[in-house]
Amino acid sequence: MPGIRVTSPARTWFDLGGVLPLPALVAAGDWLVSAHGRSFGYPRQALVALNELQDFVAELRGVPGIRTARIAVGLLRSGVDSPQESYLRLMLQKNGLPEFRPSCPLLDGAGRPVVWADLGCPEFRTCVEYDGEHHLTREQQLRDHNRDLLVRELGWHQVKVSSGDMQRGSSWVAAKVARGLKLGGWIPEG
């Protein structure tokens, strides 16, 4: 609007670092930089590209909150669809599990994406789905059952995480996901 000064998405995100805990700042940043063009739904464009946000933070000097912003910007990933997916990804990372990619395509034998997992670790053919409340509708359950079958047919190990799992804490969630990773050949260090 003419005459009204506003901040950029990057600056607004940085300013939120003064009031949000790190996981919430990462979730907000994931939303800002999230972009994808999957074979279903609407394509999503980032409000600010991840590399632009990284450059913005790198240029800041001597500003309160810069340490938190530098940590957070290193944890951001594009392709995240919900704050819960961000929190889930951070839980897995915090517990030393391999990196999971948001909006990870599961490919058929011809290299075409058949399923897009919330989070995926292609190296160990393990995907994680966060099942929020919308997964309780009859229509969504039908889609989920078909999707689950496709995931198995593609040879992936699927782990579903619910809000109840998240409430039990990061150790619980990580142990549950680790079981799927082990089925895919992952051997924990130590």
C-alpha atoms as a PDB file:
ATOM      1  CA  MET A   1       0.000   0.000   0.000  1.00  0.00           C
ATOM      2  CA  PRO A   2       1.378   3.384  -0.887  1.00  0.00           C
ATOM      3  CA  GLY A   3       2.782   5.270   2.071  1.00  0.00           C
ATOM      4  CA  ILE A   4       2.750   2.307   4.465  1.00  0.00           C
ATOM      5  CA  ARG A   5       6.146   0.858   5.253  1.00  0.00           C
ATOM      6  CA  VAL A   6       6.358  -2.885   5.625  1.00  0.00           C
ATOM      7  CA  THR A   7       9.238  -5.276   6.088  1.00  0.00           C
ATOM      8  CA  SER A   8      10.279  -7.967   3.658  1.00  0.00           C
ATOM      9  CA  PRO A   9       9.404 -11.619   4.343  1.00  0.00           C
ATOM     10  CA  ALA A  10      13.090 -12.235   5.164  1.00  0.00           C
ATOM     11  CA  ARG A  11      13.255  -9.389   7.675  1.00  0.00           C
ATOM     12  CA  THR A  12       9.938 -10.374   9.262  1.00  0.00           C
ATOM     13  CA  TRP A  13      11.203 -13.935   9.708  1.00  0.00           C
ATOM     14  CA  PHE A  14      14.431 -12.633  11.232  1.00  0.00           C
ATOM     15  CA  ASP A  15      12.480 -10.419  13.653  1.00  0.00           C
ATOM     16  CA  LEU A  16      10.392 -13.407  14.746  1.00  0.00           C
ATOM     17  CA  GLY A  17      13.628 -14.966  15.993  1.00  0.00           C
ATOM     18  CA  GLY A  18      13.466 -12.612  18.962  1.00  0.00           C
ATOM     19  CA  VAL A  19      10.175 -14.064  20.195  1.00  0.00           C
ATOM     20  CA  LEU A  20       9.918 -17.612  18.844  1.00  0.00           C
ATOM     21  CA  PRO A  21      11.770 -20.663  20.134  1.00  0.00           C
ATOM     22  CA  LEU A  22      14.135 -22.209  17.581  1.00  0.00           C
ATOM     23  CA  PRO A  23      11.786 -25.015  16.409  1.00  0.00           C
ATOM     24  CA  ALA A  24       8.966 -22.524  15.771  1.00  0.00           C
ATOM     25  CA  LEU A  25      11.353 -20.207  13.921  1.00  0.00           C
ATOM     26  CA  VAL A  26      12.432 -23.119  11.721  1.00  0.00           C
ATOM     27  CA  ALA A  27       8.789 -24.052  11.064  1.00  0.00           C
ATOM     28  CA  ALA A  28       8.028 -20.448  10.070  1.00  0.00           C
ATOM     29  CA  GLY A  29      11.116 -20.374   7.854  1.00  0.00           C
ATOM     30  CA  ASP A  30      10.257 -23.708   6.229  1.00  0.00           C
ATOM     31  CA  TRP A  31       6.862 -22.251   5.321  1.00  0.00           C
ATOM     32  CA  LEU A  32       8.466 -19.111   3.891  1.00  0.00           C
ATOM     33  CA  VAL A  33      10.889 -21.011   1.642  1.00  0.00           C
ATOM     34  CA  SER A  34       8.596 -23.911   0.791  1.00  0.00           C
ATOM     35  CA  ALA A  35       8.198 -24.522  -2.924  1.00  0.00           C
ATOM     36  CA  HIS A  36       7.211 -27.565  -4.922  1.00  0.00           C
ATOM     37  CA  GLY A  37       5.555 -28.634  -8.125  1.00  0.00           C
ATOM     38  CA  ARG A  38       4.215 -32.098  -7.406  1.00  0.00           C
ATOM     39  CA  SER A  39       2.116 -34.220  -9.723  1.00  0.00           C
ATOM     40  CA  PHE A  40      -0.974 -33.426  -7.634  1.00  0.00           C
ATOM     41  CA  GLY A  41      -2.444 -30.379  -5.987  1.00  0.00           C
ATOM     42  CA  TYR A  42      -1.349 -26.844  -6.678  1.00  0.00           C
ATOM     43  CA  PRO A  43       2.267 -25.862  -7.248  1.00  0.00           C
ATOM     44  CA  ARG A  44       3.662 -23.844  -4.388  1.00  0.00           C
ATOM     45  CA  GLN A  45       5.998 -20.891  -4.784  1.00  0.00           C
ATOM     46  CA  ALA A  46       8.237 -19.716  -1.980  1.00  0.00           C
ATOM     47  CA  LEU A  47       7.657 -16.265  -0.519  1.00  0.00           C
ATOM     48  CA  VAL A  48      11.437 -15.995  -0.448  1.00  0.00           C
ATOM     49  CA  ALA A  49      13.933 -18.448  -1.929  1.00  0.00           C
ATOM     50  CA  LEU A  50      16.024 -20.368   0.588  1.00  0.00           C
ATOM     51  CA  ASN A  51      19.293 -19.067  -0.864  1.00  0.00           C
ATOM     52  CA  GLU A  52      17.991 -15.482  -0.652  1.00  0.00           C
ATOM     53  CA  LEU A  53      17.083 -15.932   3.012  1.00  0.00           C
ATOM     54  CA  GLN A  54      20.503 -17.469   3.664  1.00  0.00           C
ATOM     55  CA  ASP A  55      22.171 -14.488   1.962  1.00  0.00           C
ATOM     56  CA  PHE A  56      20.039 -12.025   3.944  1.00  0.00           C
ATOM     57  CA  VAL A  57      21.066 -13.609   7.257  1.00  0.00           C
ATOM     58  CA  ALA A  58      24.719 -13.857   6.190  1.00  0.00           C
ATOM     59  CA  GLU A  59      24.832 -10.107   5.528  1.00  0.00           C
ATOM     60  CA  LEU A  60      23.536  -9.122   8.977  1.00  0.00           C
ATOM     61  CA  ARG A  61      26.165  -8.079  11.521  1.00  0.00           C
ATOM     62  CA  GLY A  62      25.899  -7.107  15.171  1.00  0.00           C
ATOM     63  CA  VAL A  63      22.116  -7.399  15.265  1.00  0.00           C
ATOM     64  CA  PRO A  64      20.359  -8.926  18.292  1.00  0.00           C
ATOM     65  CA  GLY A  65      19.101 -12.409  17.415  1.00  0.00           C
ATOM     66  CA  ILE A  66      21.643 -13.074  14.683  1.00  0.00           C
ATOM     67  CA  ARG A  67      23.010 -16.236  16.348  1.00  0.00           C
ATOM     68  CA  THR A  68      19.572 -17.824  16.515  1.00  0.00           C
ATOM     69  CA  ALA A  69      18.822 -16.809  12.922  1.00  0.00           C
ATOM     70  CA  ARG A  70      22.079 -18.341  11.682  1.00  0.00           C
ATOM     71  CA  ILE A  71      21.295 -21.615  13.417  1.00  0.00           C
ATOM     72  CA  ALA A  72      17.708 -21.615  12.162  1.00  0.00           C
ATOM     73  CA  VAL A  73      18.514 -20.743   8.548  1.00  0.00           C
ATOM     74  CA  GLY A  74      20.869 -23.726   8.425  1.00  0.00           C
ATOM     75  CA  LEU A  75      17.993 -25.993   9.431  1.00  0.00           C
ATOM     76  CA  LEU A  76      15.476 -24.763   6.849  1.00  0.00           C
ATOM     77  CA  ARG A  77      14.293 -27.009   4.040  1.00  0.00           C
ATOM     78  CA  SER A  78      12.038 -26.278   1.094  1.00  0.00           C
ATOM     79  CA  GLY A  79       9.021 -28.476   0.394  1.00  0.00           C
ATOM     80  CA  VAL A  80       7.571 -28.660   3.903  1.00  0.00           C
ATOM     81  CA  ASP A  81       3.765 -28.568   3.998  1.00  0.00           C
ATOM     82  CA  SER A  82       3.026 -28.037   7.692  1.00  0.00           C
ATOM     83  CA  PRO A  83       4.624 -26.914  10.949  1.00  0.00           C
ATOM     84  CA  GLN A  84       4.231 -30.456  12.290  1.00  0.00           C
ATOM     85  CA  GLU A  85       6.402 -31.777   9.457  1.00  0.00           C
ATOM     86  CA  SER A  86       9.064 -29.239  10.436  1.00  0.00           C
ATOM     87  CA  TYR A  87       8.893 -30.245  14.111  1.00  0.00           C
ATOM     88  CA  LEU A  88       9.007 -33.919  13.138  1.00  0.00           C
ATOM     89  CA  ARG A  89      12.041 -33.427  10.892  1.00  0.00           C
ATOM     90  CA  LEU A  90      13.845 -31.541  13.674  1.00  0.00           C
ATOM     91  CA  MET A  91      13.049 -34.328  16.159  1.00  0.00           C
ATOM     92  CA  LEU A  92      14.614 -36.899  13.849  1.00  0.00           C
ATOM     93  CA  GLN A  93      17.679 -34.757  13.258  1.00  0.00           C
ATOM     94  CA  LYS A  94      18.089 -34.018  16.977  1.00  0.00           C
ATOM     95  CA  ASN A  95      18.165 -37.751  17.661  1.00  0.00           C
ATOM     96  CA  GLY A  96      20.906 -38.476  15.121  1.00  0.00           C
ATOM     97  CA  LEU A  97      18.828 -40.122  12.408  1.00  0.00           C
ATOM     98  CA  PRO A  98      19.741 -39.731   8.730  1.00  0.00           C
ATOM     99  CA  GLU A  99      18.459 -36.656   6.882  1.00  0.00           C
ATOM    100  CA  PHE A 100      14.867 -36.838   5.688  1.00  0.00           C
ATOM    101  CA  ARG A 101      13.853 -34.775   2.644  1.00  0.00           C
ATOM    102  CA  PRO A 102      10.504 -32.965   2.683  1.00  0.00           C
ATOM    103  CA  SER A 103       8.076 -33.740  -0.158  1.00  0.00           C
ATOM    104  CA  CYS A 104      10.234 -36.679  -1.182  1.00  0.00           C
ATOM    105  CA  PRO A 105       9.158 -38.364  -4.439  1.00  0.00           C
ATOM    106  CA  LEU A 106       8.918 -42.159  -4.412  1.00  0.00           C
ATOM    107  CA  LEU A 107       9.706 -43.264  -7.949  1.00  0.00           C
ATOM    108  CA  ASP A 108       8.508 -46.185 -10.012  1.00  0.00           C
ATOM    109  CA  GLY A 109      10.797 -48.342 -12.169  1.00  0.00           C
ATOM    110  CA  ALA A 110      10.700 -45.747 -14.962  1.00  0.00           C
ATOM    111  CA  GLY A 111      11.803 -42.971 -12.611  1.00  0.00           C
ATOM    112  CA  ARG A 112       8.384 -41.299 -12.403  1.00  0.00           C
ATOM    113  CA  PRO A 113       7.095 -40.009  -9.059  1.00  0.00           C
ATOM    114  CA  VAL A 114       4.183 -42.142  -7.879  1.00  0.00           C
ATOM    115  CA  VAL A 115       3.915 -40.989  -4.269  1.00  0.00           C
ATOM    116  CA  TRP A 116       5.169 -37.851  -2.548  1.00  0.00           C
ATOM    117  CA  ALA A 117       6.099 -38.620   1.058  1.00  0.00           C
ATOM    118  CA  ASP A 118       5.945 -35.943   3.749  1.00  0.00           C
ATOM    119  CA  LEU A 119       9.530 -36.877   4.613  1.00  0.00           C
ATOM    120  CA  GLY A 120      11.730 -39.399   2.856  1.00  0.00           C
ATOM    121  CA  CYS A 121      15.164 -40.952   3.213  1.00  0.00           C
ATOM    122  CA  PRO A 122      15.893 -42.512  -0.201  1.00  0.00           C
ATOM    123  CA  GLU A 123      19.157 -44.094   0.961  1.00  0.00           C
ATOM    124  CA  PHE A 124      17.224 -46.389   3.316  1.00  0.00           C
ATOM    125  CA  ARG A 125      13.914 -46.371   1.399  1.00  0.00           C
ATOM    126  CA  THR A 126      12.089 -45.096   4.451  1.00  0.00           C
ATOM    127  CA  CYS A 127       9.376 -42.468   4.463  1.00  0.00           C
ATOM    128  CA  VAL A 128       7.515 -40.767   7.267  1.00  0.00           C
ATOM    129  CA  GLU A 129       3.968 -39.471   7.084  1.00  0.00           C
ATOM    130  CA  TYR A 130       2.569 -37.088   9.657  1.00  0.00           C
ATOM    131  CA  ASP A 131      -1.088 -37.997  10.061  1.00  0.00           C
ATOM    132  CA  GLY A 132      -2.956 -34.962  11.337  1.00  0.00           C
ATOM    133  CA  GLU A 133      -6.678 -34.713  11.992  1.00  0.00           C
ATOM    134  CA  HIS A 134      -7.591 -34.448   8.310  1.00  0.00           C
ATOM    135  CA  HIS A 135      -6.489 -38.090   7.936  1.00  0.00           C
ATOM    136  CA  LEU A 136      -9.539 -39.127   9.978  1.00  0.00           C
ATOM    137  CA  THR A 137     -12.112 -38.374   7.281  1.00  0.00           C
ATOM    138  CA  ARG A 138     -13.512 -41.298   5.338  1.00  0.00           C
ATOM    139  CA  GLU A 139     -12.309 -39.898   2.000  1.00  0.00           C
ATOM    140  CA  GLN A 140      -8.785 -39.257   3.255  1.00  0.00           C
ATOM    141  CA  GLN A 141      -8.569 -42.718   4.817  1.00  0.00           C
ATOM    142  CA  LEU A 142      -9.446 -44.262   1.450  1.00  0.00           C
ATOM    143  CA  ARG A 143      -6.709 -42.212  -0.250  1.00  0.00           C
ATOM    144  CA  ASP A 144      -4.266 -43.108   2.534  1.00  0.00           C
ATOM    145  CA  HIS A 145      -4.987 -46.848   2.225  1.00  0.00           C
ATOM    146  CA  ASN A 146      -4.328 -46.727  -1.520  1.00  0.00           C
ATOM    147  CA  ARG A 147      -1.189 -44.681  -0.936  1.00  0.00           C
ATOM    148  CA  ASP A 148       0.048 -47.124   1.723  1.00  0.00           C
ATOM    149  CA  LEU A 149      -0.273 -49.981  -0.755  1.00  0.00           C
ATOM    150  CA  LEU A 150       1.665 -48.013  -3.394  1.00  0.00           C
ATOM    151  CA  VAL A 151       4.433 -47.276  -0.886  1.00  0.00           C
ATOM    152  CA  ARG A 152       4.782 -50.995  -0.114  1.00  0.00           C
ATOM    153  CA  GLU A 153       4.704 -51.896  -3.816  1.00  0.00           C
ATOM    154  CA  LEU A 154       7.560 -49.445  -4.419  1.00  0.00           C
ATOM    155  CA  GLY A 155       9.606 -51.218  -1.720  1.00  0.00           C
ATOM    156  CA  TRP A 156       9.638 -48.409   0.824  1.00  0.00           C
ATOM    157  CA  HIS A 157       9.197 -48.680   4.587  1.00  0.00           C
ATOM    158  CA  GLN A 158       6.549 -46.262   5.776  1.00  0.00           C
ATOM    159  CA  VAL A 159       6.277 -44.923   9.314  1.00  0.00           C
ATOM    160  CA  LYS A 160       3.198 -42.974  10.345  1.00  0.00           C
ATOM    161  CA  VAL A 161       3.496 -40.430  13.128  1.00  0.00           C
ATOM    162  CA  SER A 162       0.494 -38.906  14.876  1.00  0.00           C
ATOM    163  CA  SER A 163       0.012 -36.020  17.273  1.00  0.00           C
ATOM    164  CA  GLY A 164      -0.081 -38.624  20.060  1.00  0.00           C
ATOM    165  CA  ASP A 165       3.383 -39.805  19.040  1.00  0.00           C
ATOM    166  CA  MET A 166       4.650 -36.212  18.984  1.00  0.00           C
ATOM    167  CA  GLN A 167       3.298 -35.636  22.492  1.00  0.00           C
ATOM    168  CA  ARG A 168       5.313 -38.606  23.743  1.00  0.00           C
ATOM    169  CA  GLY A 169       8.472 -36.740  22.748  1.00  0.00           C
ATOM    170  CA  SER A 170      11.363 -36.814  20.337  1.00  0.00           C
ATOM    171  CA  SER A 171      12.925 -40.008  21.733  1.00  0.00           C
ATOM    172  CA  TRP A 172       9.677 -41.902  21.178  1.00  0.00           C
ATOM    173  CA  VAL A 173       9.261 -40.576  17.642  1.00  0.00           C
ATOM    174  CA  ALA A 174      12.911 -41.211  16.751  1.00  0.00           C
ATOM    175  CA  ALA A 175      12.742 -44.801  18.033  1.00  0.00           C
ATOM    176  CA  LYS A 176       9.623 -45.426  15.953  1.00  0.00           C
ATOM    177  CA  VAL A 177      11.231 -44.016  12.792  1.00  0.00           C
ATOM    178  CA  ALA A 178      14.501 -45.860  13.514  1.00  0.00           C
ATOM    179  CA  ARG A 179      12.588 -49.149  13.269  1.00  0.00           C
ATOM    180  CA  GLY A 180      11.626 -48.258   9.693  1.00  0.00           C
ATOM    181  CA  LEU A 181      15.164 -47.161   8.853  1.00  0.00           C
ATOM    182  CA  LYS A 182      16.577 -50.451  10.158  1.00  0.00           C
ATOM    183  CA  LEU A 183      14.213 -52.354   7.856  1.00  0.00           C
ATOM    184  CA  GLY A 184      15.824 -50.359   5.039  1.00  0.00           C
ATOM    185  CA  GLY A 185      19.347 -51.377   6.084  1.00  0.00           C
ATOM    186  CA  TRP A 186      20.330 -48.473   8.328  1.00  0.00           C
ATOM    187  CA  ILE A 187      22.777 -49.393  11.077  1.00  0.00           C
ATOM    188  CA  PRO A 188      22.887 -46.904  13.960  1.00  0.00           C
ATOM    189  CA  GLU A 189      26.316 -45.637  14.931  1.00  0.00           C
ATOM    190  CA  GLY A 190      27.650 -46.679  18.323  1.00  0.00           C
END
